[in-house]
Amino acid sequence: MINLKTLATVFITVFLSELGDKTQLATLLFATTNKDRLTVFIGSSLALIFASGLAVILGDFISKNVNMNILKNIAGIGFIAIGIWILINNK
């Protein structure tokens, strides 16, 4: 059974994360140089589906082999480090 709350949360998060992302910009450039827009859309969509599938498989493997508290700490430290890096390098 599909959990609609999880589905909506993941959809909104990924959708907003992809807006203006280099993947979207690459797709935009392909669409400007290729008259077959449907093929560009299908190719881009399939790439995102496969990349997301790989992330789910990897996430499932990690969740079964790494303690969740350790994983949360690593993720938190990673996001803080990225935030600090962005603040330092924002010139």
C-alpha atoms as a PDB file:
ATOM      1  CA  MET A   1       0.000   0.000   0.000  1.00  0.00           C
ATOM      2  CA  ILE A   2       1.329   3.416  -0.916  1.00  0.00           C
ATOM      3  CA  ASN A   3       1.679   5.893   1.947  1.00  0.00           C
ATOM      4  CA  LEU A   4       0.301   9.131   0.483  1.00  0.00           C
ATOM      5  CA  LYS A   5       1.970  11.341   3.112  1.00  0.00           C
ATOM      6  CA  THR A   6       5.393   9.872   2.290  1.00  0.00           C
ATOM      7  CA  LEU A   7       4.656  10.084  -1.439  1.00  0.00           C
ATOM      8  CA  ALA A   8       3.711  13.773  -1.184  1.00  0.00           C
ATOM      9  CA  THR A   9       6.704  14.591   1.017  1.00  0.00           C
ATOM     10  CA  VAL A  10       9.193  12.896  -1.310  1.00  0.00           C
ATOM     11  CA  PHE A  11       7.578  14.368  -4.431  1.00  0.00           C
ATOM     12  CA  ILE A  12       7.602  17.929  -3.101  1.00  0.00           C
ATOM     13  CA  THR A  13      11.152  17.643  -1.732  1.00  0.00           C
ATOM     14  CA  VAL A  14      12.625  16.175  -4.923  1.00  0.00           C
ATOM     15  CA  PHE A  15      10.625  18.497  -7.177  1.00  0.00           C
ATOM     16  CA  LEU A  16      11.772  21.616  -5.326  1.00  0.00           C
ATOM     17  CA  SER A  17      15.345  20.315  -5.129  1.00  0.00           C
ATOM     18  CA  GLU A  18      15.455  19.765  -8.880  1.00  0.00           C
ATOM     19  CA  LEU A  19      14.219  23.245  -9.820  1.00  0.00           C
ATOM     20  CA  GLY A  20      17.179  25.127 -11.245  1.00  0.00           C
ATOM     21  CA  ASP A  21      19.446  22.130 -10.629  1.00  0.00           C
ATOM     22  CA  LYS A  22      22.181  21.300 -13.137  1.00  0.00           C
ATOM     23  CA  THR A  23      20.099  18.296 -14.267  1.00  0.00           C
ATOM     24  CA  GLN A  24      17.197  20.539 -15.161  1.00  0.00           C
ATOM     25  CA  LEU A  25      19.517  22.998 -16.893  1.00  0.00           C
ATOM     26  CA  ALA A  26      21.098  20.186 -18.924  1.00  0.00           C
ATOM     27  CA  THR A  27      17.631  19.005 -19.955  1.00  0.00           C
ATOM     28  CA  LEU A  28      16.714  22.567 -20.911  1.00  0.00           C
ATOM     29  CA  LEU A  29      19.803  22.798 -23.116  1.00  0.00           C
ATOM     30  CA  PHE A  30      19.016  19.474 -24.795  1.00  0.00           C
ATOM     31  CA  ALA A  31      15.474  20.705 -25.476  1.00  0.00           C
ATOM     32  CA  THR A  32      16.794  23.879 -27.105  1.00  0.00           C
ATOM     33  CA  THR A  33      19.091  21.985 -29.467  1.00  0.00           C
ATOM     34  CA  ASN A  34      16.877  19.009 -30.293  1.00  0.00           C
ATOM     35  CA  LYS A  35      13.561  19.196 -32.129  1.00  0.00           C
ATOM     36  CA  ASP A  36      12.399  15.876 -30.672  1.00  0.00           C
ATOM     37  CA  ARG A  37      11.258  17.286 -27.301  1.00  0.00           C
ATOM     38  CA  LEU A  38       9.373  14.114 -26.350  1.00  0.00           C
ATOM     39  CA  THR A  39      12.572  12.051 -26.622  1.00  0.00           C
ATOM     40  CA  VAL A  40      14.405  14.605 -24.466  1.00  0.00           C
ATOM     41  CA  PHE A  41      11.606  14.424 -21.878  1.00  0.00           C
ATOM     42  CA  ILE A  42      11.576  10.610 -21.868  1.00  0.00           C
ATOM     43  CA  GLY A  43      15.375  10.382 -21.646  1.00  0.00           C
ATOM     44  CA  SER A  44      15.526  12.899 -18.811  1.00  0.00           C
ATOM     45  CA  SER A  45      12.661  11.218 -16.968  1.00  0.00           C
ATOM     46  CA  LEU A  46      14.200   7.753 -17.289  1.00  0.00           C
ATOM     47  CA  ALA A  47      17.545   9.052 -16.023  1.00  0.00           C
ATOM     48  CA  LEU A  48      15.871  10.530 -12.929  1.00  0.00           C
ATOM     49  CA  ILE A  49      13.891   7.325 -12.361  1.00  0.00           C
ATOM     50  CA  PHE A  50      17.021   5.156 -12.545  1.00  0.00           C
ATOM     51  CA  ALA A  51      19.062   7.533 -10.359  1.00  0.00           C
ATOM     52  CA  SER A  52      16.247   7.572  -7.798  1.00  0.00           C
ATOM     53  CA  GLY A  53      15.973   3.775  -7.946  1.00  0.00           C
ATOM     54  CA  LEU A  54      19.691   3.468  -7.279  1.00  0.00           C
ATOM     55  CA  ALA A  55      19.353   5.856  -4.314  1.00  0.00           C
ATOM     56  CA  VAL A  56      16.479   3.770  -2.886  1.00  0.00           C
ATOM     57  CA  ILE A  57      18.438   0.520  -3.262  1.00  0.00           C
ATOM     58  CA  LEU A  58      21.528   2.080  -1.670  1.00  0.00           C
ATOM     59  CA  GLY A  59      19.418   3.644   1.099  1.00  0.00           C
ATOM     60  CA  ASP A  60      17.800   0.281   1.831  1.00  0.00           C
ATOM     61  CA  PHE A  61      21.213  -1.401   2.016  1.00  0.00           C
ATOM     62  CA  ILE A  62      22.622   1.307   4.303  1.00  0.00           C
ATOM     63  CA  SER A  63      19.580   1.258   6.591  1.00  0.00           C
ATOM     64  CA  LYS A  64      20.035  -2.480   7.117  1.00  0.00           C
ATOM     65  CA  ASN A  65      23.786  -2.268   7.774  1.00  0.00           C
ATOM     66  CA  VAL A  66      24.342   1.061   9.552  1.00  0.00           C
ATOM     67  CA  ASN A  67      22.867   2.161  12.879  1.00  0.00           C
ATOM     68  CA  MET A  68      20.225   4.858  12.248  1.00  0.00           C
ATOM     69  CA  ASN A  69      21.634   7.159  14.956  1.00  0.00           C
ATOM     70  CA  ILE A  70      25.055   7.036  13.304  1.00  0.00           C
ATOM     71  CA  LEU A  71      23.450   7.672   9.913  1.00  0.00           C
ATOM     72  CA  LYS A  72      21.479  10.673  11.242  1.00  0.00           C
ATOM     73  CA  ASN A  73      24.622  12.108  12.830  1.00  0.00           C
ATOM     74  CA  ILE A  74      26.617  11.685   9.620  1.00  0.00           C
ATOM     75  CA  ALA A  75      23.829  13.324   7.589  1.00  0.00           C
ATOM     76  CA  GLY A  76      23.523  16.192  10.078  1.00  0.00           C
ATOM     77  CA  ILE A  77      27.263  16.822  10.129  1.00  0.00           C
ATOM     78  CA  GLY A  78      27.320  16.680   6.321  1.00  0.00           C
ATOM     79  CA  PHE A  79      24.537  19.274   5.971  1.00  0.00           C
ATOM     80  CA  ILE A  80      26.181  21.560   8.547  1.00  0.00           C
ATOM     81  CA  ALA A  81      29.527  21.233   6.739  1.00  0.00           C
ATOM     82  CA  ILE A  82      27.901  22.086   3.398  1.00  0.00           C
ATOM     83  CA  GLY A  83      26.160  25.103   4.988  1.00  0.00           C
ATOM     84  CA  ILE A  84      29.421  26.376   6.472  1.00  0.00           C
ATOM     85  CA  TRP A  85      31.232  25.820   3.182  1.00  0.00           C
ATOM     86  CA  ILE A  86      28.554  27.787   1.320  1.00  0.00           C
ATOM     87  CA  LEU A  87      28.709  30.648   3.836  1.00  0.00           C
ATOM     88  CA  ILE A  88      32.507  30.810   3.676  1.00  0.00           C
ATOM     89  CA  ASN A  89      32.674  30.640  -0.116  1.00  0.00           C
ATOM     90  CA  ASN A  90      29.762  33.016  -0.769  1.00  0.00           C
ATOM     91  CA  LYS A  91      31.676  36.014  -2.107  1.00  0.00           C
END
